Amino acid sequence: MSTVFRGIIFILTIGYFAAPASAQSIRVKTSDTLLPLNQKWAEAYTARHAEIKFDVTGGGTSAALAALAERKANLATISRAIRYKETQACEAALGKRPTEFKVGVAGAAVFVHSNNPVTVLMYDELDGIYKGKFRNWKQVGGKDAPIVVYGVETNTPAGELFGEEVLNGKGVTNDVHIVSQTELLNAVAQNPNAIGFGAFARTNGIRALSIKRTYSSTPVAPSAEDISNRIFPISRFVFSYLSPEANQSEGKAYLDWIRSEEGQQIAVQSGYYVLPAKWRATP
């Protein structure tokens, strides 16, 4: 083999393994529940900025943050705040904490039939209903009647949030009917003994309960506005973490667009709630 030819092979090999990622490429790692939303965000942004290429993959919250620390992602979008040990791992690997951006709000409501006399439930009571501890409405202040329990899938924004926030990630009993949002609303509207959690909605025949975290808490009724403003208990921010080694201007431009009205409407269409302007400021 000639010296010239060997030199060409060497240059191509080094270019393939050692060259940094293109400045026009954004690698996004996200939780599986947030994957569809992140794909929609990336598609909409690319339609306006054809020079930007995205690699969007799921895998879970912990995996997304690990990918950030391992330089396998420029951006991690997850449904909770980064934890101390995860921050330490990123700082140790990258020399600096990733920049945190709030990019949306997740929320879940709990519905009963409009004729049900129960108007308020605590987290402990909801946990008891969905774990099978409470099987009769009289155990939680209602009539002497069996509780018929519904919920939406855990891979939906409302389902994931309810499972983690109210049920502490421990799941529900086999007696819970897991159905679609539409099926849930219809079932509760038709059964005076039914209860169900899902995305907030207003439908004839049902009523969204006021919720208390603890006995001493003030009960709060859900609304889209109070979920967005984190006043309603069963709500939380969606976060994006930008690697300190990523192209900061490129990454920030994308995140600013996500937090714009256009980006937030895509979030709403995907089952999330608008991030209020007071939380869209640059970190």
C-alpha atoms as a PDB file:
ATOM      1  CA  MET A   1       0.000   0.000   0.000  1.00  0.00           C
ATOM      2  CA  SER A   2       1.390   3.428  -0.945  1.00  0.00           C
ATOM      3  CA  THR A   3       2.297   6.047   1.652  1.00  0.00           C
ATOM      4  CA  VAL A   4      -0.263   8.451   0.156  1.00  0.00           C
ATOM      5  CA  PHE A   5      -3.085   5.903   0.374  1.00  0.00           C
ATOM      6  CA  ARG A   6      -2.211   5.003   3.972  1.00  0.00           C
ATOM      7  CA  GLY A   7      -2.301   8.694   4.807  1.00  0.00           C
ATOM      8  CA  ILE A   8      -5.821   9.069   3.404  1.00  0.00           C
ATOM      9  CA  ILE A   9      -7.070   6.141   5.449  1.00  0.00           C
ATOM     10  CA  PHE A  10      -5.497   7.648   8.584  1.00  0.00           C
ATOM     11  CA  ILE A  11      -7.134  11.027   8.061  1.00  0.00           C
ATOM     12  CA  LEU A  12     -10.572   9.529   7.464  1.00  0.00           C
ATOM     13  CA  THR A  13     -10.259   7.299  10.525  1.00  0.00           C
ATOM     14  CA  ILE A  14      -9.262  10.165  12.809  1.00  0.00           C
ATOM     15  CA  GLY A  15     -12.077  12.291  11.385  1.00  0.00           C
ATOM     16  CA  TYR A  16     -14.631   9.575  12.091  1.00  0.00           C
ATOM     17  CA  PHE A  17     -13.617   8.846  15.675  1.00  0.00           C
ATOM     18  CA  ALA A  18     -12.184  12.107  16.948  1.00  0.00           C
ATOM     19  CA  ALA A  19     -14.095  14.934  15.303  1.00  0.00           C
ATOM     20  CA  PRO A  20     -16.558  16.712  17.585  1.00  0.00           C
ATOM     21  CA  ALA A  21     -20.270  16.552  16.852  1.00  0.00           C
ATOM     22  CA  SER A  22     -21.438  19.011  14.238  1.00  0.00           C
ATOM     23  CA  ALA A  23     -22.344  22.439  15.565  1.00  0.00           C
ATOM     24  CA  GLN A  24     -25.627  21.960  13.720  1.00  0.00           C
ATOM     25  CA  SER A  25     -26.558  18.754  15.571  1.00  0.00           C
ATOM     26  CA  ILE A  26     -28.504  18.574  18.841  1.00  0.00           C
ATOM     27  CA  ARG A  27     -28.629  15.212  20.594  1.00  0.00           C
ATOM     28  CA  VAL A  28     -31.630  14.985  22.922  1.00  0.00           C
ATOM     29  CA  LYS A  29     -32.135  12.213  25.456  1.00  0.00           C
ATOM     30  CA  THR A  30     -35.448  12.046  27.281  1.00  0.00           C
ATOM     31  CA  SER A  31     -37.782   9.948  29.378  1.00  0.00           C
ATOM     32  CA  ASP A  32     -40.027   7.586  27.440  1.00  0.00           C
ATOM     33  CA  THR A  33     -43.208   9.467  28.367  1.00  0.00           C
ATOM     34  CA  LEU A  34     -41.708  12.721  27.102  1.00  0.00           C
ATOM     35  CA  LEU A  35     -40.329  11.192  23.894  1.00  0.00           C
ATOM     36  CA  PRO A  36     -43.366  11.972  21.667  1.00  0.00           C
ATOM     37  CA  LEU A  37     -43.399  15.621  22.795  1.00  0.00           C
ATOM     38  CA  ASN A  38     -39.666  16.026  22.215  1.00  0.00           C
ATOM     39  CA  GLN A  39     -39.991  14.510  18.749  1.00  0.00           C
ATOM     40  CA  LYS A  40     -42.762  16.981  17.910  1.00  0.00           C
ATOM     41  CA  TRP A  41     -40.695  19.894  19.226  1.00  0.00           C
ATOM     42  CA  ALA A  42     -37.703  18.805  17.152  1.00  0.00           C
ATOM     43  CA  GLU A  43     -39.783  18.346  13.985  1.00  0.00           C
ATOM     44  CA  ALA A  44     -41.423  21.763  14.338  1.00  0.00           C
ATOM     45  CA  TYR A  45     -38.096  23.491  15.030  1.00  0.00           C
ATOM     46  CA  THR A  46     -36.406  21.794  12.067  1.00  0.00           C
ATOM     47  CA  ALA A  47     -39.214  23.042   9.821  1.00  0.00           C
ATOM     48  CA  ARG A  48     -38.093  26.588  10.697  1.00  0.00           C
ATOM     49  CA  HIS A  49     -34.360  25.848  10.944  1.00  0.00           C
ATOM     50  CA  ALA A  50     -33.439  23.296   8.300  1.00  0.00           C
ATOM     51  CA  GLU A  51     -29.742  23.598   9.171  1.00  0.00           C
ATOM     52  CA  ILE A  52     -30.362  22.045  12.615  1.00  0.00           C
ATOM     53  CA  LYS A  53     -30.394  18.249  12.862  1.00  0.00           C
ATOM     54  CA  PHE A  54     -31.805  16.386  15.854  1.00  0.00           C
ATOM     55  CA  ASP A  55     -31.169  12.962  17.337  1.00  0.00           C
ATOM     56  CA  VAL A  56     -34.018  12.415  19.821  1.00  0.00           C
ATOM     57  CA  THR A  57     -34.158   9.170  21.814  1.00  0.00           C
ATOM     58  CA  GLY A  58     -35.910   7.919  24.952  1.00  0.00           C
ATOM     59  CA  GLY A  59     -34.722   5.473  27.574  1.00  0.00           C
ATOM     60  CA  GLY A  60     -35.810   6.939  30.899  1.00  0.00           C
ATOM     61  CA  THR A  61     -35.037   9.848  33.190  1.00  0.00           C
ATOM     62  CA  SER A  62     -31.937   8.376  34.834  1.00  0.00           C
ATOM     63  CA  ALA A  63     -30.594   7.249  31.451  1.00  0.00           C
ATOM     64  CA  ALA A  64     -31.095  10.740  30.022  1.00  0.00           C
ATOM     65  CA  LEU A  65     -29.037  12.360  32.769  1.00  0.00           C
ATOM     66  CA  ALA A  66     -26.386   9.633  32.533  1.00  0.00           C
ATOM     67  CA  ALA A  67     -26.127  10.293  28.784  1.00  0.00           C
ATOM     68  CA  LEU A  68     -25.508  13.959  29.556  1.00  0.00           C
ATOM     69  CA  ALA A  69     -22.644  13.087  31.924  1.00  0.00           C
ATOM     70  CA  GLU A  70     -21.210  10.587  29.430  1.00  0.00           C
ATOM     71  CA  ARG A  71     -21.230  13.177  26.601  1.00  0.00           C
ATOM     72  CA  LYS A  72     -23.772  11.126  24.663  1.00  0.00           C
ATOM     73  CA  ALA A  73     -26.367  13.907  24.754  1.00  0.00           C
ATOM     74  CA  ASN A  74     -26.351  17.693  24.551  1.00  0.00           C
ATOM     75  CA  LEU A  75     -29.765  18.037  26.159  1.00  0.00           C
ATOM     76  CA  ALA A  76     -31.708  15.931  28.688  1.00  0.00           C
ATOM     77  CA  THR A  77     -35.451  16.587  29.001  1.00  0.00           C
ATOM     78  CA  ILE A  78     -37.069  14.921  32.015  1.00  0.00           C
ATOM     79  CA  SER A  79     -40.214  15.069  34.128  1.00  0.00           C
ATOM     80  CA  ARG A  80     -38.513  15.973  37.417  1.00  0.00           C
ATOM     81  CA  ALA A  81     -35.665  18.079  38.739  1.00  0.00           C
ATOM     82  CA  ILE A  82     -32.131  16.704  38.632  1.00  0.00           C
ATOM     83  CA  ARG A  83     -31.039  15.059  41.892  1.00  0.00           C
ATOM     84  CA  TYR A  84     -27.925  15.802  43.917  1.00  0.00           C
ATOM     85  CA  LYS A  85     -26.000  12.670  42.917  1.00  0.00           C
ATOM     86  CA  GLU A  86     -26.918  13.202  39.265  1.00  0.00           C
ATOM     87  CA  THR A  87     -25.646  16.773  39.480  1.00  0.00           C
ATOM     88  CA  GLN A  88     -22.420  15.538  41.040  1.00  0.00           C
ATOM     89  CA  ALA A  89     -21.918  13.008  38.229  1.00  0.00           C
ATOM     90  CA  CYS A  90     -22.340  15.734  35.598  1.00  0.00           C
ATOM     91  CA  GLU A  91     -20.030  18.143  37.415  1.00  0.00           C
ATOM     92  CA  ALA A  92     -17.362  15.454  37.810  1.00  0.00           C
ATOM     93  CA  ALA A  93     -17.494  14.525  34.135  1.00  0.00           C
ATOM     94  CA  LEU A  94     -18.102  17.928  32.551  1.00  0.00           C
ATOM     95  CA  GLY A  95     -16.587  20.316  35.073  1.00  0.00           C
ATOM     96  CA  LYS A  96     -19.818  22.235  35.535  1.00  0.00           C
ATOM     97  CA  ARG A  97     -23.470  21.713  36.405  1.00  0.00           C
ATOM     98  CA  PRO A  98     -25.836  21.497  33.394  1.00  0.00           C
ATOM     99  CA  THR A  99     -27.975  24.584  32.885  1.00  0.00           C
ATOM    100  CA  GLU A 100     -31.560  24.041  34.014  1.00  0.00           C
ATOM    101  CA  PHE A 101     -34.546  25.231  31.984  1.00  0.00           C
ATOM    102  CA  LYS A 102     -38.209  24.793  32.886  1.00  0.00           C
ATOM    103  CA  VAL A 103     -39.971  23.875  29.635  1.00  0.00           C
ATOM    104  CA  GLY A 104     -43.502  22.859  30.607  1.00  0.00           C
ATOM    105  CA  VAL A 105     -45.889  21.676  33.317  1.00  0.00           C
ATOM    106  CA  ALA A 106     -47.485  18.270  33.873  1.00  0.00           C
ATOM    107  CA  GLY A 107     -50.748  17.847  35.770  1.00  0.00           C
ATOM    108  CA  ALA A 108     -53.395  15.277  36.670  1.00  0.00           C
ATOM    109  CA  ALA A 109     -56.949  15.595  38.002  1.00  0.00           C
ATOM    110  CA  VAL A 110     -59.206  13.177  39.862  1.00  0.00           C
ATOM    111  CA  PHE A 111     -62.824  12.809  38.738  1.00  0.00           C
ATOM    112  CA  VAL A 112     -66.024  11.525  40.322  1.00  0.00           C
ATOM    113  CA  HIS A 113     -69.649  11.462  39.168  1.00  0.00           C
ATOM    114  CA  SER A 114     -71.341  14.841  39.567  1.00  0.00           C
ATOM    115  CA  ASN A 115     -73.806  13.325  42.082  1.00  0.00           C
ATOM    116  CA  ASN A 116     -71.076  11.973  44.336  1.00  0.00           C
ATOM    117  CA  PRO A 117     -71.177  13.872  47.672  1.00  0.00           C
ATOM    118  CA  VAL A 118     -67.388  13.583  48.139  1.00  0.00           C
ATOM    119  CA  THR A 119     -65.723  16.856  47.116  1.00  0.00           C
ATOM    120  CA  VAL A 120     -62.232  16.632  48.646  1.00  0.00           C
ATOM    121  CA  LEU A 121     -59.688  13.829  49.006  1.00  0.00           C
ATOM    122  CA  MET A 122     -56.189  13.705  50.484  1.00  0.00           C
ATOM    123  CA  TYR A 123     -53.182  11.960  48.967  1.00  0.00           C
ATOM    124  CA  ASP A 124     -53.418   9.213  51.614  1.00  0.00           C
ATOM    125  CA  GLU A 125     -57.058   8.580  50.747  1.00  0.00           C
ATOM    126  CA  LEU A 126     -56.288   8.413  47.031  1.00  0.00           C
ATOM    127  CA  ASP A 127     -53.407   6.060  47.750  1.00  0.00           C
ATOM    128  CA  GLY A 128     -55.751   3.882  49.804  1.00  0.00           C
ATOM    129  CA  ILE A 129     -58.351   3.786  47.033  1.00  0.00           C
ATOM    130  CA  TYR A 130     -55.851   2.859  44.310  1.00  0.00           C
ATOM    131  CA  LYS A 131     -54.007   0.323  46.495  1.00  0.00           C
ATOM    132  CA  GLY A 132     -57.245  -1.417  47.535  1.00  0.00           C
ATOM    133  CA  LYS A 133     -57.242  -0.308  51.183  1.00  0.00           C
ATOM    134  CA  PHE A 134     -60.458   1.674  50.740  1.00  0.00           C
ATOM    135  CA  ARG A 135     -63.119  -0.150  48.737  1.00  0.00           C
ATOM    136  CA  ASN A 136     -66.274   1.621  49.943  1.00  0.00           C
ATOM    137  CA  TRP A 137     -67.092   5.319  49.616  1.00  0.00           C
ATOM    138  CA  LYS A 138     -68.132   5.523  53.280  1.00  0.00           C
ATOM    139  CA  GLN A 139     -64.455   4.975  54.213  1.00  0.00           C
ATOM    140  CA  VAL A 140     -63.605   8.349  52.668  1.00  0.00           C
ATOM    141  CA  GLY A 141     -66.682  10.340  53.669  1.00  0.00           C
ATOM    142  CA  GLY A 142     -69.127   9.186  51.010  1.00  0.00           C
ATOM    143  CA  LYS A 143     -72.183   6.947  50.776  1.00  0.00           C
ATOM    144  CA  ASP A 144     -72.245   3.251  51.561  1.00  0.00           C
ATOM    145  CA  ALA A 145     -71.373   2.064  48.052  1.00  0.00           C
ATOM    146  CA  PRO A 146     -68.475   0.211  46.414  1.00  0.00           C
ATOM    147  CA  ILE A 147     -65.761   2.321  44.781  1.00  0.00           C
ATOM    148  CA  VAL A 148     -65.235   1.567  41.083  1.00  0.00           C
ATOM    149  CA  VAL A 149     -61.723   2.679  40.194  1.00  0.00           C
ATOM    150  CA  TYR A 150     -60.337   3.938  36.850  1.00  0.00           C
ATOM    151  CA  GLY A 151     -57.064   5.415  35.673  1.00  0.00           C
ATOM    152  CA  VAL A 152     -55.140   6.225  32.506  1.00  0.00           C
ATOM    153  CA  GLU A 153     -51.957   4.508  31.319  1.00  0.00           C
ATOM    154  CA  THR A 154     -48.711   5.275  33.156  1.00  0.00           C
ATOM    155  CA  ASN A 155     -47.052   6.221  29.860  1.00  0.00           C
ATOM    156  CA  THR A 156     -49.312   9.288  29.586  1.00  0.00           C
ATOM    157  CA  PRO A 157     -48.340  12.625  31.203  1.00  0.00           C
ATOM    158  CA  ALA A 158     -51.194  12.442  33.732  1.00  0.00           C
ATOM    159  CA  GLY A 159     -50.724   8.742  34.416  1.00  0.00           C
ATOM    160  CA  GLU A 160     -46.995   9.010  35.021  1.00  0.00           C
ATOM    161  CA  LEU A 161     -47.433  12.015  37.304  1.00  0.00           C
ATOM    162  CA  PHE A 162     -50.250  10.502  39.386  1.00  0.00           C
ATOM    163  CA  GLY A 163     -48.327   7.265  39.823  1.00  0.00           C
ATOM    164  CA  GLU A 164     -45.168   9.005  40.994  1.00  0.00           C
ATOM    165  CA  GLU A 165     -46.638  11.949  42.916  1.00  0.00           C
ATOM    166  CA  VAL A 166     -49.641  10.372  44.654  1.00  0.00           C
ATOM    167  CA  LEU A 167     -48.841   6.643  44.646  1.00  0.00           C
ATOM    168  CA  ASN A 168     -45.080   6.980  45.256  1.00  0.00           C
ATOM    169  CA  GLY A 169     -44.297   4.863  42.209  1.00  0.00           C
ATOM    170  CA  LYS A 170     -45.779   1.709  43.743  1.00  0.00           C
ATOM    171  CA  GLY A 171     -48.506   1.060  41.200  1.00  0.00           C
ATOM    172  CA  VAL A 172     -52.176   0.185  41.582  1.00  0.00           C
ATOM    173  CA  THR A 173     -54.168  -2.951  42.395  1.00  0.00           C
ATOM    174  CA  ASN A 174     -55.486  -5.285  39.715  1.00  0.00           C
ATOM    175  CA  ASP A 175     -58.992  -3.950  40.399  1.00  0.00           C
ATOM    176  CA  VAL A 176     -58.192  -0.623  38.732  1.00  0.00           C
ATOM    177  CA  HIS A 177     -59.551  -0.296  35.192  1.00  0.00           C
ATOM    178  CA  ILE A 178     -56.800   1.258  33.023  1.00  0.00           C
ATOM    179  CA  VAL A 179     -58.415   2.939  30.032  1.00  0.00           C
ATOM    180  CA  SER A 180     -57.992   5.859  27.648  1.00  0.00           C
ATOM    181  CA  GLN A 181     -58.806   9.417  28.716  1.00  0.00           C
ATOM    182  CA  THR A 182     -62.052   9.425  26.724  1.00  0.00           C
ATOM    183  CA  GLU A 183     -63.129   6.044  28.083  1.00  0.00           C
ATOM    184  CA  LEU A 184     -62.355   7.176  31.625  1.00  0.00           C
ATOM    185  CA  LEU A 185     -64.470  10.333  31.396  1.00  0.00           C
ATOM    186  CA  ASN A 186     -67.369   8.397  29.889  1.00  0.00           C
ATOM    187  CA  ALA A 187     -67.164   5.655  32.528  1.00  0.00           C
ATOM    188  CA  VAL A 188     -67.154   8.109  35.447  1.00  0.00           C
ATOM    189  CA  ALA A 189     -70.030  10.104  33.933  1.00  0.00           C
ATOM    190  CA  GLN A 190     -72.128   6.921  33.702  1.00  0.00           C
ATOM    191  CA  ASN A 191     -71.349   5.436  37.134  1.00  0.00           C
ATOM    192  CA  PRO A 192     -72.165   7.303  40.380  1.00  0.00           C
ATOM    193  CA  ASN A 193     -69.679   5.085  42.247  1.00  0.00           C
ATOM    194  CA  ALA A 194     -66.723   5.619  39.911  1.00  0.00           C
ATOM    195  CA  ILE A 195     -63.496   7.551  40.420  1.00  0.00           C
ATOM    196  CA  GLY A 196     -60.712   8.119  37.909  1.00  0.00           C
ATOM    197  CA  PHE A 197     -57.500  10.080  37.362  1.00  0.00           C
ATOM    198  CA  GLY A 198     -56.434  11.611  34.075  1.00  0.00           C
ATOM    199  CA  ALA A 199     -55.777  14.884  32.311  1.00  0.00           C
ATOM    200  CA  PHE A 200     -57.937  17.773  33.526  1.00  0.00           C
ATOM    201  CA  ALA A 201     -61.141  18.191  31.522  1.00  0.00           C
ATOM    202  CA  ARG A 202     -64.651  19.561  31.882  1.00  0.00           C
ATOM    203  CA  THR A 203     -67.380  17.127  30.847  1.00  0.00           C
ATOM    204  CA  ASN A 204     -71.069  16.826  31.681  1.00  0.00           C
ATOM    205  CA  GLY A 205     -71.792  14.312  34.416  1.00  0.00           C
ATOM    206  CA  ILE A 206     -68.409  14.470  36.140  1.00  0.00           C
ATOM    207  CA  ARG A 207     -66.720  16.711  38.683  1.00  0.00           C
ATOM    208  CA  ALA A 208     -63.015  17.166  39.387  1.00  0.00           C
ATOM    209  CA  LEU A 209     -62.230  16.763  43.086  1.00  0.00           C
ATOM    210  CA  SER A 210     -60.390  19.295  45.202  1.00  0.00           C
ATOM    211  CA  ILE A 211     -57.146  17.737  46.443  1.00  0.00           C
ATOM    212  CA  LYS A 212     -55.161  18.055  49.683  1.00  0.00           C
ATOM    213  CA  ARG A 213     -51.628  16.772  50.151  1.00  0.00           C
ATOM    214  CA  THR A 214     -52.183  16.248  53.893  1.00  0.00           C
ATOM    215  CA  TYR A 215     -54.956  16.720  56.454  1.00  0.00           C
ATOM    216  CA  SER A 216     -53.796  20.253  57.311  1.00  0.00           C
ATOM    217  CA  SER A 217     -53.423  21.362  53.677  1.00  0.00           C
ATOM    218  CA  THR A 218     -55.852  23.717  51.975  1.00  0.00           C
ATOM    219  CA  PRO A 219     -57.935  21.861  49.357  1.00  0.00           C
ATOM    220  CA  VAL A 220     -57.446  23.094  45.786  1.00  0.00           C
ATOM    221  CA  ALA A 221     -59.748  22.439  42.850  1.00  0.00           C
ATOM    222  CA  PRO A 222     -58.006  21.892  39.503  1.00  0.00           C
ATOM    223  CA  SER A 223     -58.067  24.253  36.543  1.00  0.00           C
ATOM    224  CA  ALA A 224     -55.703  24.561  33.613  1.00  0.00           C
ATOM    225  CA  GLU A 225     -54.488  27.883  35.025  1.00  0.00           C
ATOM    226  CA  ASP A 226     -53.867  26.567  38.549  1.00  0.00           C
ATOM    227  CA  ILE A 227     -52.073  23.508  37.184  1.00  0.00           C
ATOM    228  CA  SER A 228     -49.848  25.755  35.022  1.00  0.00           C
ATOM    229  CA  ASN A 229     -49.088  27.965  38.020  1.00  0.00           C
ATOM    230  CA  ARG A 230     -48.353  24.945  40.247  1.00  0.00           C
ATOM    231  CA  ILE A 231     -51.133  25.882  42.666  1.00  0.00           C
ATOM    232  CA  PHE A 232     -52.954  22.585  42.220  1.00  0.00           C
ATOM    233  CA  PRO A 233     -51.079  19.845  44.156  1.00  0.00           C
ATOM    234  CA  ILE A 234     -50.866  17.144  41.475  1.00  0.00           C
ATOM    235  CA  SER A 235     -48.586  19.108  39.174  1.00  0.00           C
ATOM    236  CA  ARG A 236     -44.865  19.477  38.455  1.00  0.00           C
ATOM    237  CA  PHE A 237     -42.438  21.123  36.066  1.00  0.00           C
ATOM    238  CA  VAL A 238     -40.887  19.481  33.034  1.00  0.00           C
ATOM    239  CA  PHE A 239     -37.160  20.283  32.864  1.00  0.00           C
ATOM    240  CA  SER A 240     -34.478  20.414  30.204  1.00  0.00           C
ATOM    241  CA  TYR A 241     -30.787  20.297  31.155  1.00  0.00           C
ATOM    242  CA  LEU A 242     -28.259  21.707  28.699  1.00  0.00           C
ATOM    243  CA  SER A 243     -24.742  20.293  28.806  1.00  0.00           C
ATOM    244  CA  PRO A 244     -22.023  22.897  29.530  1.00  0.00           C
ATOM    245  CA  GLU A 245     -20.099  21.392  26.596  1.00  0.00           C
ATOM    246  CA  ALA A 246     -22.983  21.900  24.146  1.00  0.00           C
ATOM    247  CA  ASN A 247     -23.168  24.837  21.769  1.00  0.00           C
ATOM    248  CA  GLN A 248     -24.759  27.248  24.240  1.00  0.00           C
ATOM    249  CA  SER A 249     -26.192  29.739  21.763  1.00  0.00           C
ATOM    250  CA  GLU A 250     -27.659  26.960  19.616  1.00  0.00           C
ATOM    251  CA  GLY A 251     -29.075  25.071  22.611  1.00  0.00           C
ATOM    252  CA  LYS A 252     -30.492  28.176  24.237  1.00  0.00           C
ATOM    253  CA  ALA A 253     -32.122  29.297  20.977  1.00  0.00           C
ATOM    254  CA  TYR A 254     -33.898  25.952  20.778  1.00  0.00           C
ATOM    255  CA  LEU A 255     -34.995  26.072  24.420  1.00  0.00           C
ATOM    256  CA  ASP A 256     -36.194  29.657  24.040  1.00  0.00           C
ATOM    257  CA  TRP A 257     -38.345  28.498  21.131  1.00  0.00           C
ATOM    258  CA  ILE A 258     -39.714  25.583  23.205  1.00  0.00           C
ATOM    259  CA  ARG A 259     -40.766  28.124  25.844  1.00  0.00           C
ATOM    260  CA  SER A 260     -42.340  30.422  23.250  1.00  0.00           C
ATOM    261  CA  GLU A 261     -46.076  30.393  22.571  1.00  0.00           C
ATOM    262  CA  GLU A 262     -45.550  28.135  19.552  1.00  0.00           C
ATOM    263  CA  GLY A 263     -43.515  25.601  21.507  1.00  0.00           C
ATOM    264  CA  GLN A 264     -45.913  25.651  24.445  1.00  0.00           C
ATOM    265  CA  GLN A 265     -48.934  25.021  22.249  1.00  0.00           C
ATOM    266  CA  ILE A 266     -47.243  21.856  21.018  1.00  0.00           C
ATOM    267  CA  ALA A 267     -46.835  20.856  24.667  1.00  0.00           C
ATOM    268  CA  VAL A 268     -50.532  21.506  25.336  1.00  0.00           C
ATOM    269  CA  GLN A 269     -51.492  19.367  22.327  1.00  0.00           C
ATOM    270  CA  SER A 270     -49.365  16.575  23.823  1.00  0.00           C
ATOM    271  CA  GLY A 271     -51.171  16.588  27.191  1.00  0.00           C
ATOM    272  CA  TYR A 272     -49.057  19.115  29.120  1.00  0.00           C
ATOM    273  CA  TYR A 273     -49.824  22.618  30.373  1.00  0.00           C
ATOM    274  CA  VAL A 274     -48.479  26.029  29.420  1.00  0.00           C
ATOM    275  CA  LEU A 275     -45.393  27.197  31.279  1.00  0.00           C
ATOM    276  CA  PRO A 276     -46.298  30.699  32.582  1.00  0.00           C
ATOM    277  CA  ALA A 277     -44.141  33.602  31.427  1.00  0.00           C
ATOM    278  CA  LYS A 278     -42.716  34.144  34.924  1.00  0.00           C
ATOM    279  CA  TRP A 279     -40.839  30.832  34.602  1.00  0.00           C
ATOM    280  CA  ARG A 280     -39.574  31.333  31.044  1.00  0.00           C
ATOM    281  CA  ALA A 281     -36.801  33.741  31.994  1.00  0.00           C
ATOM    282  CA  THR A 282     -33.220  32.782  31.130  1.00  0.00           C
ATOM    283  CA  PRO A 283     -31.613  30.823  33.991  1.00  0.00           C
END
